[in-house]
Amino acid sequence: MSTDHQGQVEKILKELGKKIDELIVEAKGAKDDIRDEVEDKIKDLKKKKIKLDDEYQSFKEKNEGKWDEIKSHLSSAAEEIKRAAEAAFKKKN
């Protein structure tokens, strides 16, 4: 995997972590019923991010030269997490 692609993936993973942290802060100010739902979404997002981190690290170790094969999977997973985060933000409002 090129250093540029590796940097892009790491940037995406870091941004996902920041978004989850933002959700945690915003959930604290939400109404009780919404907060509970958002907190459940946050737990789910954290699990998905950890899984994505693990998959990325495993890929880096085993398949350094096969970036194209996993690129679409990482993009899909990142997009799914992004949509879930956006949905959680919408419910809060």
PDB file of N, CA and C in Angstrom:
ATOM      1  N   MET A   1       0.856  -1.163   0.000  1.00  0.00           N
ATOM      2  CA  MET A   1       0.000   0.000   0.000  1.00  0.00           C
ATOM      3  C   MET A   1       0.898   1.221   0.000  1.00  0.00           C
ATOM      4  N   SER A   2       0.567   2.168  -0.848  1.00  0.00           N
ATOM      5  CA  SER A   2       1.408   3.355  -0.897  1.00  0.00           C
ATOM      6  C   SER A   2       1.238   4.170   0.381  1.00  0.00           C
ATOM      7  N   THR A   3       2.244   4.954   0.666  1.00  0.00           N
ATOM      8  CA  THR A   3       2.197   5.805   1.856  1.00  0.00           C
ATOM      9  C   THR A   3       1.028   6.769   1.769  1.00  0.00           C
ATOM     10  N   ASP A   4       0.725   7.242   0.554  1.00  0.00           N
ATOM     11  CA  ASP A   4      -0.393   8.165   0.363  1.00  0.00           C
ATOM     12  C   ASP A   4      -1.717   7.500   0.717  1.00  0.00           C
ATOM     13  N   HIS A   5      -1.934   6.271   0.209  1.00  0.00           N
ATOM     14  CA  HIS A   5      -3.170   5.551   0.524  1.00  0.00           C
ATOM     15  C   HIS A   5      -3.249   5.228   2.008  1.00  0.00           C
ATOM     16  N   GLN A   6      -2.145   4.830   2.566  1.00  0.00           N
ATOM     17  CA  GLN A   6      -2.102   4.509   3.989  1.00  0.00           C
ATOM     18  C   GLN A   6      -2.478   5.744   4.803  1.00  0.00           C
ATOM     19  N   GLY A   7      -1.952   6.881   4.423  1.00  0.00           N
ATOM     20  CA  GLY A   7      -2.281   8.127   5.111  1.00  0.00           C
ATOM     21  C   GLY A   7      -3.748   8.474   4.988  1.00  0.00           C
ATOM     22  N   GLN A   8      -4.343   8.204   3.819  1.00  0.00           N
ATOM     23  CA  GLN A   8      -5.761   8.475   3.617  1.00  0.00           C
ATOM     24  C   GLN A   8      -6.621   7.615   4.534  1.00  0.00           C
ATOM     25  N   VAL A   9      -6.301   6.338   4.619  1.00  0.00           N
ATOM     26  CA  VAL A   9      -7.069   5.433   5.477  1.00  0.00           C
ATOM     27  C   VAL A   9      -6.933   5.852   6.936  1.00  0.00           C
ATOM     28  N   GLU A  10      -5.715   6.139   7.352  1.00  0.00           N
ATOM     29  CA  GLU A  10      -5.502   6.546   8.735  1.00  0.00           C
ATOM     30  C   GLU A  10      -6.222   7.852   9.042  1.00  0.00           C
ATOM     31  N   LYS A  11      -6.287   8.749   8.078  1.00  0.00           N
ATOM     32  CA  LYS A  11      -7.012  10.012   8.254  1.00  0.00           C
ATOM     33  C   LYS A  11      -8.508   9.742   8.425  1.00  0.00           C
ATOM     34  N   ILE A  12      -9.053   8.841   7.607  1.00  0.00           N
ATOM     35  CA  ILE A  12     -10.471   8.485   7.713  1.00  0.00           C
ATOM     36  C   ILE A  12     -10.764   7.888   9.083  1.00  0.00           C
ATOM     37  N   LEU A  13      -9.935   6.961   9.530  1.00  0.00           N
ATOM     38  CA  LEU A  13     -10.151   6.320  10.828  1.00  0.00           C
ATOM     39  C   LEU A  13     -10.058   7.338  11.960  1.00  0.00           C
ATOM     40  N   LYS A  14      -9.127   8.250  11.868  1.00  0.00           N
ATOM     41  CA  LYS A  14      -8.981   9.285  12.896  1.00  0.00           C
ATOM     42  C   LYS A  14     -10.209  10.199  12.914  1.00  0.00           C
ATOM     43  N   GLU A  15     -10.704  10.572  11.743  1.00  0.00           N
ATOM     44  CA  GLU A  15     -11.884  11.425  11.647  1.00  0.00           C
ATOM     45  C   GLU A  15     -13.112  10.717  12.219  1.00  0.00           C
ATOM     46  N   LEU A  16     -13.243   9.424  11.965  1.00  0.00           N
ATOM     47  CA  LEU A  16     -14.361   8.666  12.536  1.00  0.00           C
ATOM     48  C   LEU A  16     -14.302   8.685  14.057  1.00  0.00           C
ATOM     49  N   GLY A  17     -13.115   8.533  14.601  1.00  0.00           N
ATOM     50  CA  GLY A  17     -12.951   8.598  16.052  1.00  0.00           C
ATOM     51  C   GLY A  17     -13.370   9.947  16.601  1.00  0.00           C
ATOM     52  N   LYS A  18     -13.011  11.021  15.903  1.00  0.00           N
ATOM     53  CA  LYS A  18     -13.391  12.371  16.336  1.00  0.00           C
ATOM     54  C   LYS A  18     -14.905  12.544  16.296  1.00  0.00           C
ATOM     55  N   LYS A  19     -15.539  12.033  15.236  1.00  0.00           N
ATOM     56  CA  LYS A  19     -16.999  12.146  15.115  1.00  0.00           C
ATOM     57  C   LYS A  19     -17.696  11.406  16.256  1.00  0.00           C
ATOM     58  N   ILE A  20     -17.192  10.248  16.601  1.00  0.00           N
ATOM     59  CA  ILE A  20     -17.775   9.496  17.710  1.00  0.00           C
ATOM     60  C   ILE A  20     -17.615  10.280  19.007  1.00  0.00           C
ATOM     61  N   ASP A  21     -16.448  10.866  19.226  1.00  0.00           N
ATOM     62  CA  ASP A  21     -16.229  11.688  20.420  1.00  0.00           C
ATOM     63  C   ASP A  21     -17.186  12.876  20.453  1.00  0.00           C
ATOM     64  N   GLU A  22     -17.437  13.501  19.299  1.00  0.00           N
ATOM     65  CA  GLU A  22     -18.385  14.613  19.228  1.00  0.00           C
ATOM     66  C   GLU A  22     -19.786  14.145  19.595  1.00  0.00           C
ATOM     67  N   LEU A  23     -20.170  12.964  19.118  1.00  0.00           N
ATOM     68  CA  LEU A  23     -21.485  12.415  19.460  1.00  0.00           C
ATOM     69  C   LEU A  23     -21.620  12.209  20.960  1.00  0.00           C
ATOM     70  N   ILE A  24     -20.564  11.728  21.584  1.00  0.00           N
ATOM     71  CA  ILE A  24     -20.593  11.492  23.028  1.00  0.00           C
ATOM     72  C   ILE A  24     -20.852  12.797  23.763  1.00  0.00           C
ATOM     73  N   VAL A  25     -20.161  13.847  23.382  1.00  0.00           N
ATOM     74  CA  VAL A  25     -20.333  15.151  24.027  1.00  0.00           C
ATOM     75  C   VAL A  25     -21.743  15.677  23.798  1.00  0.00           C
ATOM     76  N   GLU A  26     -22.229  15.593  22.567  1.00  0.00           N
ATOM     77  CA  GLU A  26     -23.561  16.105  22.261  1.00  0.00           C
ATOM     78  C   GLU A  26     -24.658  15.285  22.927  1.00  0.00           C
ATOM     79  N   ALA A  27     -24.444  13.993  23.092  1.00  0.00           N
ATOM     80  CA  ALA A  27     -25.450  13.134  23.723  1.00  0.00           C
ATOM     81  C   ALA A  27     -25.681  13.532  25.172  1.00  0.00           C
ATOM     82  N   LYS A  28     -24.653  14.032  25.821  1.00  0.00           N
ATOM     83  CA  LYS A  28     -24.790  14.434  27.220  1.00  0.00           C
ATOM     84  C   LYS A  28     -25.801  15.551  27.392  1.00  0.00           C
ATOM     85  N   GLY A  29     -25.985  16.387  26.377  1.00  0.00           N
ATOM     86  CA  GLY A  29     -26.920  17.497  26.466  1.00  0.00           C
ATOM     87  C   GLY A  29     -28.303  17.181  25.931  1.00  0.00           C
ATOM     88  N   ALA A  30     -28.527  15.983  25.459  1.00  0.00           N
ATOM     89  CA  ALA A  30     -29.807  15.610  24.859  1.00  0.00           C
ATOM     90  C   ALA A  30     -30.814  15.196  25.929  1.00  0.00           C
ATOM     91  N   LYS A  31     -32.080  15.170  25.532  1.00  0.00           N
ATOM     92  CA  LYS A  31     -33.136  14.689  26.425  1.00  0.00           C
ATOM     93  C   LYS A  31     -32.905  13.213  26.720  1.00  0.00           C
ATOM     94  N   ASP A  32     -33.441  12.756  27.855  1.00  0.00           N
ATOM     95  CA  ASP A  32     -33.177  11.391  28.319  1.00  0.00           C
ATOM     96  C   ASP A  32     -33.483  10.319  27.277  1.00  0.00           C
ATOM     97  N   ASP A  33     -34.673  10.370  26.679  1.00  0.00           N
ATOM     98  CA  ASP A  33     -35.048   9.318  25.732  1.00  0.00           C
ATOM     99  C   ASP A  33     -34.167   9.346  24.486  1.00  0.00           C
ATOM    100  N   ILE A  34     -33.853  10.523  24.022  1.00  0.00           N
ATOM    101  CA  ILE A  34     -32.982  10.644  22.856  1.00  0.00           C
ATOM    102  C   ILE A  34     -31.556  10.275  23.229  1.00  0.00           C
ATOM    103  N   ARG A  35     -31.129  10.689  24.419  1.00  0.00           N
ATOM    104  CA  ARG A  35     -29.764  10.392  24.854  1.00  0.00           C
ATOM    105  C   ARG A  35     -29.528   8.885  24.898  1.00  0.00           C
ATOM    106  N   ASP A  36     -30.490   8.143  25.437  1.00  0.00           N
ATOM    107  CA  ASP A  36     -30.339   6.685  25.504  1.00  0.00           C
ATOM    108  C   ASP A  36     -30.177   6.082  24.107  1.00  0.00           C
ATOM    109  N   GLU A  37     -30.981   6.569  23.180  1.00  0.00           N
ATOM    110  CA  GLU A  37     -30.910   6.056  21.814  1.00  0.00           C
ATOM    111  C   GLU A  37     -29.577   6.429  21.160  1.00  0.00           C
ATOM    112  N   VAL A  38     -29.141   7.665  21.367  1.00  0.00           N
ATOM    113  CA  VAL A  38     -27.869   8.114  20.796  1.00  0.00           C
ATOM    114  C   VAL A  38     -26.714   7.343  21.422  1.00  0.00           C
ATOM    115  N   GLU A  39     -26.779   7.097  22.721  1.00  0.00           N
ATOM    116  CA  GLU A  39     -25.713   6.335  23.380  1.00  0.00           C
ATOM    117  C   GLU A  39     -25.625   4.916  22.828  1.00  0.00           C
ATOM    118  N   ASP A  40     -26.778   4.315  22.517  1.00  0.00           N
ATOM    119  CA  ASP A  40     -26.766   2.989  21.886  1.00  0.00           C
ATOM    120  C   ASP A  40     -26.096   3.050  20.513  1.00  0.00           C
ATOM    121  N   LYS A  41     -26.417   4.096  19.759  1.00  0.00           N
ATOM    122  CA  LYS A  41     -25.788   4.276  18.445  1.00  0.00           C
ATOM    123  C   LYS A  41     -24.284   4.470  18.596  1.00  0.00           C
ATOM    124  N   ILE A  42     -23.882   5.231  19.608  1.00  0.00           N
ATOM    125  CA  ILE A  42     -22.456   5.481  19.844  1.00  0.00           C
ATOM    126  C   ILE A  42     -21.731   4.172  20.136  1.00  0.00           C
ATOM    127  N   LYS A  43     -22.324   3.329  20.973  1.00  0.00           N
ATOM    128  CA  LYS A  43     -21.708   2.033  21.277  1.00  0.00           C
ATOM    129  C   LYS A  43     -21.535   1.210  20.002  1.00  0.00           C
ATOM    130  N   ASP A  44     -22.569   1.223  19.170  1.00  0.00           N
ATOM    131  CA  ASP A  44     -22.503   0.490  17.907  1.00  0.00           C
ATOM    132  C   ASP A  44     -21.422   1.069  16.997  1.00  0.00           C
ATOM    133  N   LEU A  45     -21.348   2.398  16.926  1.00  0.00           N
ATOM    134  CA  LEU A  45     -20.325   3.051  16.106  1.00  0.00           C
ATOM    135  C   LEU A  45     -18.926   2.722  16.599  1.00  0.00           C
ATOM    136  N   LYS A  46     -18.745   2.702  17.912  1.00  0.00           N
ATOM    137  CA  LYS A  46     -17.427   2.372  18.468  1.00  0.00           C
ATOM    138  C   LYS A  46     -17.016   0.957  18.076  1.00  0.00           C
ATOM    139  N   LYS A  47     -17.960   0.018  18.172  1.00  0.00           N
ATOM    140  CA  LYS A  47     -17.664  -1.366  17.796  1.00  0.00           C
ATOM    141  C   LYS A  47     -17.271  -1.458  16.324  1.00  0.00           C
ATOM    142  N   LYS A  48     -18.019  -0.741  15.473  1.00  0.00           N
ATOM    143  CA  LYS A  48     -17.722  -0.772  14.044  1.00  0.00           C
ATOM    144  C   LYS A  48     -16.369  -0.138  13.750  1.00  0.00           C
ATOM    145  N   LYS A  49     -16.043   0.932  14.446  1.00  0.00           N
ATOM    146  CA  LYS A  49     -14.752   1.584  14.227  1.00  0.00           C
ATOM    147  C   LYS A  49     -13.613   0.675  14.674  1.00  0.00           C
ATOM    148  N   ILE A  50     -13.775   0.022  15.810  1.00  0.00           N
ATOM    149  CA  ILE A  50     -12.746  -0.908  16.286  1.00  0.00           C
ATOM    150  C   ILE A  50     -12.554  -2.034  15.276  1.00  0.00           C
ATOM    151  N   LYS A  51     -13.665  -2.560  14.767  1.00  0.00           N
ATOM    152  CA  LYS A  51     -13.579  -3.625  13.760  1.00  0.00           C
ATOM    153  C   LYS A  51     -12.862  -3.122  12.512  1.00  0.00           C
ATOM    154  N   LEU A  52     -13.188  -1.914  12.085  1.00  0.00           N
ATOM    155  CA  LEU A  52     -12.544  -1.328  10.917  1.00  0.00           C
ATOM    156  C   LEU A  52     -11.055  -1.118  11.161  1.00  0.00           C
ATOM    157  N   ASP A  53     -10.696  -0.620  12.338  1.00  0.00           N
ATOM    158  CA  ASP A  53      -9.278  -0.464  12.704  1.00  0.00           C
ATOM    159  C   ASP A  53      -8.553  -1.811  12.643  1.00  0.00           C
ATOM    160  N   ASP A  54      -9.181  -2.826  13.224  1.00  0.00           N
ATOM    161  CA  ASP A  54      -8.570  -4.160  13.246  1.00  0.00           C
ATOM    162  C   ASP A  54      -8.387  -4.718  11.834  1.00  0.00           C
ATOM    163  N   GLU A  55      -9.423  -4.549  11.000  1.00  0.00           N
ATOM    164  CA  GLU A  55      -9.334  -5.030   9.622  1.00  0.00           C
ATOM    165  C   GLU A  55      -8.217  -4.314   8.871  1.00  0.00           C
ATOM    166  N   TYR A  56      -8.101  -3.032   9.086  1.00  0.00           N
ATOM    167  CA  TYR A  56      -7.062  -2.252   8.409  1.00  0.00           C
ATOM    168  C   TYR A  56      -5.677  -2.703   8.851  1.00  0.00           C
ATOM    169  N   GLN A  57      -5.484  -2.872  10.147  1.00  0.00           N
ATOM    170  CA  GLN A  57      -4.180  -3.308  10.645  1.00  0.00           C
ATOM    171  C   GLN A  57      -3.836  -4.703  10.123  1.00  0.00           C
ATOM    172  N   SER A  58      -4.821  -5.585  10.124  1.00  0.00           N
ATOM    173  CA  SER A  58      -4.613  -6.937   9.611  1.00  0.00           C
ATOM    174  C   SER A  58      -4.238  -6.897   8.130  1.00  0.00           C
ATOM    175  N   PHE A  59      -4.936  -6.080   7.389  1.00  0.00           N
ATOM    176  CA  PHE A  59      -4.633  -5.945   5.971  1.00  0.00           C
ATOM    177  C   PHE A  59      -3.214  -5.437   5.758  1.00  0.00           C
ATOM    178  N   LYS A  60      -2.851  -4.404   6.494  1.00  0.00           N
ATOM    179  CA  LYS A  60      -1.510  -3.845   6.346  1.00  0.00           C
ATOM    180  C   LYS A  60      -0.445  -4.905   6.576  1.00  0.00           C
ATOM    181  N   GLU A  61      -0.663  -5.739   7.578  1.00  0.00           N
ATOM    182  CA  GLU A  61       0.323  -6.756   7.920  1.00  0.00           C
ATOM    183  C   GLU A  61       0.384  -7.880   6.883  1.00  0.00           C
ATOM    184  N   LYS A  62      -0.761  -8.306   6.377  1.00  0.00           N
ATOM    185  CA  LYS A  62      -0.814  -9.481   5.512  1.00  0.00           C
ATOM    186  C   LYS A  62      -0.739  -9.173   4.020  1.00  0.00           C
ATOM    187  N   ASN A  63      -1.249  -8.029   3.619  1.00  0.00           N
ATOM    188  CA  ASN A  63      -1.437  -7.775   2.184  1.00  0.00           C
ATOM    189  C   ASN A  63      -0.947  -6.401   1.769  1.00  0.00           C
ATOM    190  N   GLU A  64       0.243  -6.103   2.093  1.00  0.00           N
ATOM    191  CA  GLU A  64       0.765  -4.764   1.832  1.00  0.00           C
ATOM    192  C   GLU A  64       0.546  -4.310   0.392  1.00  0.00           C
ATOM    193  N   GLY A  65       0.600  -5.212  -0.572  1.00  0.00           N
ATOM    194  CA  GLY A  65       0.485  -4.822  -1.973  1.00  0.00           C
ATOM    195  C   GLY A  65      -0.907  -4.911  -2.564  1.00  0.00           C
ATOM    196  N   LYS A  66      -1.923  -5.203  -1.785  1.00  0.00           N
ATOM    197  CA  LYS A  66      -3.259  -5.439  -2.335  1.00  0.00           C
ATOM    198  C   LYS A  66      -4.248  -4.334  -1.965  1.00  0.00           C
ATOM    199  N   TRP A  67      -3.837  -3.101  -2.061  1.00  0.00           N
ATOM    200  CA  TRP A  67      -4.664  -1.970  -1.643  1.00  0.00           C
ATOM    201  C   TRP A  67      -6.002  -1.934  -2.370  1.00  0.00           C
ATOM    202  N   ASP A  68      -6.040  -2.149  -3.670  1.00  0.00           N
ATOM    203  CA  ASP A  68      -7.278  -2.035  -4.439  1.00  0.00           C
ATOM    204  C   ASP A  68      -8.347  -3.013  -3.974  1.00  0.00           C
ATOM    205  N   GLU A  69      -7.935  -4.184  -3.516  1.00  0.00           N
ATOM    206  CA  GLU A  69      -8.902  -5.191  -3.078  1.00  0.00           C
ATOM    207  C   GLU A  69      -9.669  -4.758  -1.838  1.00  0.00           C
ATOM    208  N   ILE A  70      -9.039  -4.032  -0.956  1.00  0.00           N
ATOM    209  CA  ILE A  70      -9.710  -3.657   0.282  1.00  0.00           C
ATOM    210  C   ILE A  70     -10.215  -2.225   0.274  1.00  0.00           C
ATOM    211  N   LYS A  71      -9.783  -1.442  -0.671  1.00  0.00           N
ATOM    212  CA  LYS A  71     -10.150  -0.026  -0.715  1.00  0.00           C
ATOM    213  C   LYS A  71     -11.670   0.156  -0.712  1.00  0.00           C
ATOM    214  N   SER A  72     -12.382  -0.593  -1.548  1.00  0.00           N
ATOM    215  CA  SER A  72     -13.834  -0.436  -1.606  1.00  0.00           C
ATOM    216  C   SER A  72     -14.491  -0.896  -0.307  1.00  0.00           C
ATOM    217  N   HIS A  73     -13.957  -1.937   0.327  1.00  0.00           N
ATOM    218  CA  HIS A  73     -14.517  -2.404   1.595  1.00  0.00           C
ATOM    219  C   HIS A  73     -14.361  -1.344   2.681  1.00  0.00           C
ATOM    220  N   LEU A  74     -13.191  -0.767   2.770  1.00  0.00           N
ATOM    221  CA  LEU A  74     -12.955   0.285   3.760  1.00  0.00           C
ATOM    222  C   LEU A  74     -13.842   1.494   3.493  1.00  0.00           C
ATOM    223  N   SER A  75     -13.982   1.856   2.235  1.00  0.00           N
ATOM    224  CA  SER A  75     -14.826   2.995   1.883  1.00  0.00           C
ATOM    225  C   SER A  75     -16.275   2.725   2.257  1.00  0.00           C
ATOM    226  N   SER A  76     -16.748   1.512   1.982  1.00  0.00           N
ATOM    227  CA  SER A  76     -18.127   1.150   2.321  1.00  0.00           C
ATOM    228  C   SER A  76     -18.354   1.172   3.823  1.00  0.00           C
ATOM    229  N   ALA A  77     -17.432   0.612   4.566  1.00  0.00           N
ATOM    230  CA  ALA A  77     -17.563   0.590   6.022  1.00  0.00           C
ATOM    231  C   ALA A  77     -17.514   2.002   6.590  1.00  0.00           C
ATOM    232  N   ALA A  78     -16.622   2.822   6.077  1.00  0.00           N
ATOM    233  CA  ALA A  78     -16.528   4.204   6.547  1.00  0.00           C
ATOM    234  C   ALA A  78     -17.810   4.962   6.225  1.00  0.00           C
ATOM    235  N   GLU A  79     -18.369   4.737   5.049  1.00  0.00           N
ATOM    236  CA  GLU A  79     -19.613   5.403   4.662  1.00  0.00           C
ATOM    237  C   GLU A  79     -20.762   4.953   5.556  1.00  0.00           C
ATOM    238  N   GLU A  80     -20.803   3.675   5.895  1.00  0.00           N
ATOM    239  CA  GLU A  80     -21.849   3.162   6.787  1.00  0.00           C
ATOM    240  C   GLU A  80     -21.760   3.828   8.158  1.00  0.00           C
ATOM    241  N   ILE A  81     -20.560   3.952   8.678  1.00  0.00           N
ATOM    242  CA  ILE A  81     -20.371   4.605   9.973  1.00  0.00           C
ATOM    243  C   ILE A  81     -20.765   6.072   9.877  1.00  0.00           C
ATOM    244  N   LYS A  82     -20.412   6.723   8.790  1.00  0.00           N
ATOM    245  CA  LYS A  82     -20.761   8.131   8.599  1.00  0.00           C
ATOM    246  C   LYS A  82     -22.279   8.303   8.582  1.00  0.00           C
ATOM    247  N   ARG A  83     -22.988   7.434   7.840  1.00  0.00           N
ATOM    248  CA  ARG A  83     -24.454   7.525   7.784  1.00  0.00           C
ATOM    249  C   ARG A  83     -25.067   7.296   9.159  1.00  0.00           C
ATOM    250  N   ALA A  84     -24.537   6.346   9.912  1.00  0.00           N
ATOM    251  CA  ALA A  84     -25.057   6.080  11.251  1.00  0.00           C
ATOM    252  C   ALA A  84     -24.830   7.284  12.160  1.00  0.00           C
ATOM    253  N   ALA A  85     -23.677   7.915  12.050  1.00  0.00           N
ATOM    254  CA  ALA A  85     -23.393   9.103  12.858  1.00  0.00           C
ATOM    255  C   ALA A  85     -24.334  10.239  12.485  1.00  0.00           C
ATOM    256  N   GLU A  86     -24.551  10.440  11.192  1.00  0.00           N
ATOM    257  CA  GLU A  86     -25.464  11.488  10.747  1.00  0.00           C
ATOM    258  C   GLU A  86     -26.883  11.213  11.231  1.00  0.00           C
ATOM    259  N   ALA A  87     -27.307   9.965  11.188  1.00  0.00           N
ATOM    260  CA  ALA A  87     -28.640   9.607  11.666  1.00  0.00           C
ATOM    261  C   ALA A  87     -28.762   9.878  13.155  1.00  0.00           C
ATOM    262  N   ALA A  88     -27.726   9.584  13.906  1.00  0.00           N
ATOM    263  CA  ALA A  88     -27.753   9.840  15.345  1.00  0.00           C
ATOM    264  C   ALA A  88     -27.836  11.334  15.616  1.00  0.00           C
ATOM    265  N   PHE A  89     -27.110  12.144  14.859  1.00  0.00           N
ATOM    266  CA  PHE A  89     -27.176  13.596  15.025  1.00  0.00           C
ATOM    267  C   PHE A  89     -28.574  14.109  14.698  1.00  0.00           C
ATOM    268  N   LYS A  90     -29.200  13.580  13.640  1.00  0.00           N
ATOM    269  CA  LYS A  90     -30.536  14.022  13.249  1.00  0.00           C
ATOM    270  C   LYS A  90     -31.553  13.701  14.329  1.00  0.00           C
ATOM    271  N   LYS A  91     -31.446  12.535  14.948  1.00  0.00           N
ATOM    272  CA  LYS A  91     -32.385  12.152  16.003  1.00  0.00           C
ATOM    273  C   LYS A  91     -32.248  13.059  17.206  1.00  0.00           C
ATOM    274  N   LYS A  92     -31.028  13.502  17.475  1.00  0.00           N
ATOM    275  CA  LYS A  92     -30.778  14.378  18.616  1.00  0.00           C
ATOM    276  C   LYS A  92     -31.521  15.692  18.442  1.00  0.00           C
ATOM    277  N   ASN A  93     -31.536  16.189  17.218  1.00  0.00           N
ATOM    278  CA  ASN A  93     -32.186  17.473  16.942  1.00  0.00           C
ATOM    279  C   ASN A  93     -33.650  17.238  16.828  1.00  0.00           C
TER     280      ASN A  93
END
